N, C-alpha and C. Protein backbone atom coordinates (compact mmCIF):
# COMPACT_ATOMS: atom_id res chain seq x y z
N VAL A 1 0.85 -1.17 0.00
CA VAL A 1 0.00 0.00 0.00
C VAL A 1 0.89 1.23 0.00
N SER A 2 0.52 2.23 -0.78
CA SER A 2 1.29 3.47 -0.82
C SER A 2 0.33 4.66 -0.82
N THR A 3 0.88 5.81 -0.43
CA THR A 3 0.09 7.04 -0.48
C THR A 3 1.00 8.20 -0.83
N GLN A 4 0.39 9.22 -1.42
CA GLN A 4 1.12 10.41 -1.82
C GLN A 4 0.41 11.65 -1.31
N SER A 5 1.18 12.57 -0.79
CA SER A 5 0.64 13.85 -0.35
C SER A 5 1.73 14.89 -0.58
N THR A 6 1.55 15.73 -1.57
CA THR A 6 2.55 16.75 -1.87
C THR A 6 1.90 18.12 -1.93
N GLY A 7 2.64 19.12 -1.46
CA GLY A 7 2.21 20.51 -1.55
C GLY A 7 1.01 20.89 -0.71
N ASN A 8 0.75 20.17 0.36
CA ASN A 8 -0.41 20.46 1.20
C ASN A 8 -0.10 21.35 2.40
N HIS A 9 1.15 21.56 2.69
CA HIS A 9 1.60 22.43 3.78
C HIS A 9 0.93 22.09 5.12
N PHE A 10 1.15 20.87 5.54
CA PHE A 10 0.67 20.41 6.84
C PHE A 10 1.40 21.18 7.93
N GLY A 11 0.70 21.55 8.96
CA GLY A 11 1.35 22.15 10.12
C GLY A 11 1.77 21.05 11.08
N ALA A 12 2.26 21.47 12.24
CA ALA A 12 2.68 20.50 13.25
C ALA A 12 1.52 19.61 13.68
N GLU A 13 0.32 20.18 13.78
CA GLU A 13 -0.84 19.39 14.20
C GLU A 13 -1.18 18.32 13.16
N GLY A 14 -1.07 18.67 11.88
CA GLY A 14 -1.31 17.69 10.83
C GLY A 14 -0.28 16.58 10.86
N CYS A 15 0.97 16.96 11.12
CA CYS A 15 2.05 15.95 11.21
C CYS A 15 1.87 15.06 12.42
N GLU A 16 1.36 15.62 13.50
CA GLU A 16 1.08 14.81 14.68
C GLU A 16 0.01 13.77 14.36
N ALA A 17 -1.03 14.17 13.63
CA ALA A 17 -2.09 13.24 13.25
C ALA A 17 -1.55 12.14 12.33
N ILE A 18 -0.69 12.51 11.41
CA ILE A 18 -0.09 11.52 10.52
C ILE A 18 0.82 10.58 11.31
N GLY A 19 1.56 11.13 12.26
CA GLY A 19 2.39 10.30 13.12
C GLY A 19 1.57 9.29 13.89
N GLN A 20 0.43 9.72 14.41
CA GLN A 20 -0.45 8.80 15.13
C GLN A 20 -0.99 7.72 14.20
N ALA A 21 -1.30 8.11 12.97
CA ALA A 21 -1.79 7.12 12.00
C ALA A 21 -0.69 6.10 11.67
N LEU A 22 0.56 6.56 11.62
CA LEU A 22 1.66 5.63 11.35
C LEU A 22 1.81 4.59 12.45
N ILE A 23 1.52 4.97 13.67
CA ILE A 23 1.60 4.02 14.79
C ILE A 23 0.60 2.88 14.60
N GLN A 24 -0.58 3.22 14.14
CA GLN A 24 -1.65 2.23 14.02
C GLN A 24 -1.62 1.46 12.71
N ASN A 25 -1.04 2.04 11.67
CA ASN A 25 -1.06 1.42 10.34
C ASN A 25 -0.05 0.29 10.25
N THR A 26 -0.48 -0.84 9.69
CA THR A 26 0.42 -1.98 9.53
C THR A 26 0.55 -2.43 8.07
N SER A 27 0.02 -1.62 7.13
CA SER A 27 0.09 -2.04 5.73
C SER A 27 0.77 -1.02 4.81
N LEU A 28 0.96 0.20 5.25
CA LEU A 28 1.57 1.23 4.41
C LEU A 28 3.06 0.93 4.22
N LYS A 29 3.49 0.82 2.97
CA LYS A 29 4.89 0.52 2.65
C LYS A 29 5.64 1.75 2.11
N PHE A 30 4.95 2.64 1.43
CA PHE A 30 5.56 3.78 0.74
C PHE A 30 4.77 5.04 1.05
N LEU A 31 5.49 6.10 1.45
CA LEU A 31 4.83 7.38 1.72
C LEU A 31 5.62 8.49 1.05
N LEU A 32 4.99 9.14 0.08
CA LEU A 32 5.56 10.31 -0.59
C LEU A 32 4.96 11.53 0.10
N PHE A 33 5.82 12.31 0.77
CA PHE A 33 5.36 13.44 1.58
C PHE A 33 6.20 14.68 1.25
N ASP A 34 6.50 14.86 -0.04
CA ASP A 34 7.34 15.96 -0.49
C ASP A 34 6.60 17.29 -0.49
N GLY A 35 7.36 18.35 -0.23
CA GLY A 35 6.86 19.71 -0.42
C GLY A 35 5.68 20.10 0.44
N ASN A 36 5.59 19.58 1.63
CA ASN A 36 4.48 19.91 2.51
C ASN A 36 4.85 20.95 3.57
N GLY A 37 6.07 21.44 3.54
CA GLY A 37 6.47 22.51 4.46
C GLY A 37 6.33 22.14 5.93
N ILE A 38 6.68 20.91 6.29
CA ILE A 38 6.47 20.48 7.67
C ILE A 38 7.49 21.08 8.64
N ARG A 39 8.65 21.49 8.14
CA ARG A 39 9.70 22.12 8.93
C ARG A 39 10.11 21.25 10.12
N ASP A 40 10.87 21.81 11.03
CA ASP A 40 11.37 21.03 12.17
C ASP A 40 10.26 20.55 13.09
N LYS A 41 9.35 21.44 13.43
CA LYS A 41 8.29 21.07 14.38
C LYS A 41 7.43 19.93 13.84
N GLY A 42 7.11 19.98 12.57
CA GLY A 42 6.33 18.90 11.96
C GLY A 42 7.11 17.60 11.92
N ALA A 43 8.41 17.69 11.63
CA ALA A 43 9.24 16.48 11.60
C ALA A 43 9.32 15.83 12.97
N VAL A 44 9.39 16.65 14.02
CA VAL A 44 9.41 16.12 15.38
C VAL A 44 8.11 15.38 15.67
N GLU A 45 6.98 15.98 15.32
CA GLU A 45 5.68 15.34 15.56
C GLU A 45 5.53 14.05 14.74
N PHE A 46 5.95 14.10 13.51
CA PHE A 46 5.87 12.97 12.59
C PHE A 46 6.74 11.80 13.07
N SER A 47 7.89 12.12 13.65
CA SER A 47 8.88 11.11 14.03
C SER A 47 8.40 10.18 15.13
N THR A 48 7.51 10.63 15.96
CA THR A 48 6.95 9.76 17.01
C THR A 48 6.30 8.55 16.38
N GLY A 49 5.51 8.77 15.35
CA GLY A 49 4.87 7.66 14.65
C GLY A 49 5.84 6.83 13.86
N LEU A 50 6.83 7.49 13.26
CA LEU A 50 7.84 6.78 12.49
C LEU A 50 8.60 5.79 13.37
N ALA A 51 8.90 6.19 14.58
CA ALA A 51 9.64 5.32 15.50
C ALA A 51 8.89 4.03 15.79
N LEU A 52 7.58 4.10 15.86
CA LEU A 52 6.77 2.94 16.26
C LEU A 52 6.12 2.20 15.09
N ASN A 53 6.26 2.74 13.89
CA ASN A 53 5.65 2.10 12.72
C ASN A 53 6.35 0.78 12.40
N THR A 54 5.57 -0.21 11.98
CA THR A 54 6.12 -1.54 11.70
C THR A 54 5.98 -1.96 10.25
N SER A 55 5.61 -1.05 9.35
CA SER A 55 5.41 -1.47 7.96
C SER A 55 6.09 -0.58 6.92
N LEU A 56 6.28 0.68 7.21
CA LEU A 56 6.79 1.62 6.21
C LEU A 56 8.22 1.26 5.80
N GLU A 57 8.44 1.13 4.50
CA GLU A 57 9.75 0.77 3.97
C GLU A 57 10.43 1.93 3.24
N GLU A 58 9.64 2.84 2.69
CA GLU A 58 10.21 3.96 1.93
C GLU A 58 9.47 5.24 2.28
N LEU A 59 10.24 6.27 2.64
CA LEU A 59 9.68 7.56 3.06
C LEU A 59 10.40 8.68 2.33
N LEU A 60 9.65 9.50 1.62
CA LEU A 60 10.21 10.63 0.89
C LEU A 60 9.74 11.92 1.55
N LEU A 61 10.68 12.67 2.10
CA LEU A 61 10.41 13.93 2.79
C LEU A 61 11.18 15.09 2.15
N ASN A 62 11.30 15.07 0.85
CA ASN A 62 12.04 16.11 0.14
C ASN A 62 11.33 17.47 0.22
N GLU A 63 12.11 18.54 0.20
CA GLU A 63 11.60 19.91 0.12
C GLU A 63 10.56 20.23 1.20
N ASN A 64 10.91 19.99 2.44
CA ASN A 64 10.00 20.24 3.55
C ASN A 64 10.53 21.27 4.55
N GLY A 65 11.67 21.88 4.28
CA GLY A 65 12.22 22.86 5.21
C GLY A 65 12.70 22.25 6.51
N ILE A 66 13.05 20.98 6.49
CA ILE A 66 13.52 20.29 7.69
C ILE A 66 14.97 20.69 7.96
N GLY A 67 15.25 21.09 9.20
CA GLY A 67 16.59 21.47 9.61
C GLY A 67 17.16 20.48 10.62
N ASP A 68 18.14 20.94 11.39
CA ASP A 68 18.84 20.05 12.33
C ASP A 68 17.92 19.45 13.39
N GLU A 69 16.99 20.24 13.93
CA GLU A 69 16.10 19.71 14.97
C GLU A 69 15.22 18.59 14.43
N GLY A 70 14.66 18.79 13.25
CA GLY A 70 13.83 17.76 12.63
C GLY A 70 14.64 16.53 12.27
N LEU A 71 15.86 16.76 11.78
CA LEU A 71 16.74 15.64 11.45
C LEU A 71 17.11 14.84 12.69
N ARG A 72 17.33 15.52 13.79
CA ARG A 72 17.63 14.83 15.05
C ARG A 72 16.47 13.93 15.45
N ALA A 73 15.24 14.42 15.32
CA ALA A 73 14.06 13.62 15.67
C ALA A 73 13.92 12.41 14.75
N ILE A 74 14.15 12.61 13.47
CA ILE A 74 14.09 11.50 12.52
C ILE A 74 15.17 10.47 12.84
N SER A 75 16.36 10.95 13.15
CA SER A 75 17.47 10.05 13.51
C SER A 75 17.13 9.20 14.73
N MET A 76 16.52 9.82 15.72
CA MET A 76 16.12 9.08 16.92
C MET A 76 15.06 8.04 16.57
N ALA A 77 14.14 8.39 15.70
CA ALA A 77 13.10 7.44 15.28
C ALA A 77 13.71 6.24 14.58
N LEU A 78 14.77 6.48 13.82
CA LEU A 78 15.42 5.38 13.10
C LEU A 78 16.14 4.41 14.02
N MET A 79 16.39 4.82 15.24
CA MET A 79 17.03 3.92 16.20
C MET A 79 16.10 2.78 16.61
N THR A 80 14.79 3.03 16.56
CA THR A 80 13.84 1.99 16.95
C THR A 80 13.05 1.42 15.77
N ASN A 81 12.92 2.18 14.70
CA ASN A 81 12.21 1.68 13.53
C ASN A 81 13.08 0.65 12.82
N THR A 82 12.52 -0.54 12.59
CA THR A 82 13.31 -1.61 11.98
C THR A 82 12.88 -1.92 10.54
N THR A 83 11.88 -1.23 10.02
CA THR A 83 11.37 -1.56 8.69
C THR A 83 11.78 -0.57 7.61
N LEU A 84 12.05 0.67 7.95
CA LEU A 84 12.36 1.68 6.94
C LEU A 84 13.70 1.37 6.27
N LYS A 85 13.67 1.31 4.93
CA LYS A 85 14.86 0.99 4.15
C LYS A 85 15.35 2.18 3.33
N VAL A 86 14.43 3.05 2.93
CA VAL A 86 14.78 4.20 2.09
C VAL A 86 14.19 5.47 2.70
N LEU A 87 15.06 6.47 2.85
CA LEU A 87 14.65 7.78 3.36
C LEU A 87 15.24 8.83 2.44
N ARG A 88 14.40 9.68 1.90
CA ARG A 88 14.87 10.76 1.03
C ARG A 88 14.58 12.10 1.72
N LEU A 89 15.62 12.91 1.83
CA LEU A 89 15.51 14.22 2.48
C LEU A 89 16.16 15.31 1.62
N LYS A 90 16.02 15.23 0.33
CA LYS A 90 16.65 16.19 -0.57
C LYS A 90 16.01 17.57 -0.43
N LYS A 91 16.81 18.59 -0.65
CA LYS A 91 16.37 19.98 -0.67
C LYS A 91 15.69 20.40 0.64
N ASN A 92 16.27 20.01 1.76
CA ASN A 92 15.87 20.48 3.07
C ASN A 92 16.99 21.37 3.60
N GLN A 93 16.89 21.83 4.81
CA GLN A 93 17.88 22.73 5.39
C GLN A 93 18.76 21.98 6.39
N LEU A 94 19.45 20.97 5.88
CA LEU A 94 20.20 20.08 6.74
C LEU A 94 21.64 20.56 6.89
N GLY A 95 22.13 20.53 8.12
CA GLY A 95 23.50 20.93 8.41
C GLY A 95 24.42 19.73 8.46
N ASN A 96 25.41 19.81 9.29
CA ASN A 96 26.43 18.76 9.40
C ASN A 96 25.91 17.44 9.93
N ARG A 97 24.84 17.46 10.67
CA ARG A 97 24.31 16.21 11.23
C ARG A 97 23.85 15.23 10.15
N TRP A 98 23.60 15.71 8.96
CA TRP A 98 23.17 14.86 7.86
C TRP A 98 24.18 13.75 7.60
N GLN A 99 25.45 14.03 7.76
CA GLN A 99 26.50 13.03 7.52
C GLN A 99 26.37 11.85 8.49
N ALA A 100 26.00 12.11 9.73
CA ALA A 100 25.82 11.04 10.71
C ALA A 100 24.65 10.15 10.34
N VAL A 101 23.56 10.73 9.87
CA VAL A 101 22.40 9.94 9.47
C VAL A 101 22.74 9.09 8.25
N LYS A 102 23.55 9.60 7.36
CA LYS A 102 23.92 8.87 6.16
C LYS A 102 24.65 7.56 6.49
N ARG A 103 25.21 7.47 7.67
CA ARG A 103 25.93 6.26 8.05
C ARG A 103 25.01 5.21 8.70
N THR A 104 23.73 5.47 8.77
CA THR A 104 22.81 4.49 9.34
C THR A 104 22.51 3.39 8.33
N ARG A 105 21.69 2.45 8.69
CA ARG A 105 21.35 1.32 7.85
C ARG A 105 20.39 1.69 6.72
N VAL A 106 19.86 2.90 6.73
CA VAL A 106 18.84 3.31 5.77
C VAL A 106 19.49 3.82 4.49
N GLU A 107 18.97 3.41 3.35
CA GLU A 107 19.44 3.94 2.07
C GLU A 107 18.92 5.36 1.91
N LEU A 108 19.83 6.26 1.59
CA LEU A 108 19.44 7.67 1.49
C LEU A 108 19.48 8.15 0.05
């Protein structure tokens, strides 16, 4: 199962709702979430669900204005998430911490 949502500009509350849905969902394999302007706060809210999700294999978060704080939350989620294989974070506002995430088990 896959879903796409681009250019909707979800706020932190929308990302929190999606994060909660990720916790409960056991069939979603691919999520395209490009260009939604979730920024750091949205990435933090979203990451709670990502950490506990047991089905998602590919996640695209390109062009979302995610910076170091959001990247830190995603990195923490990847410590417990065992299913995600591909993570795309192109055209975000990532600093030096991006290099540390690149060394994880996830294909970037």
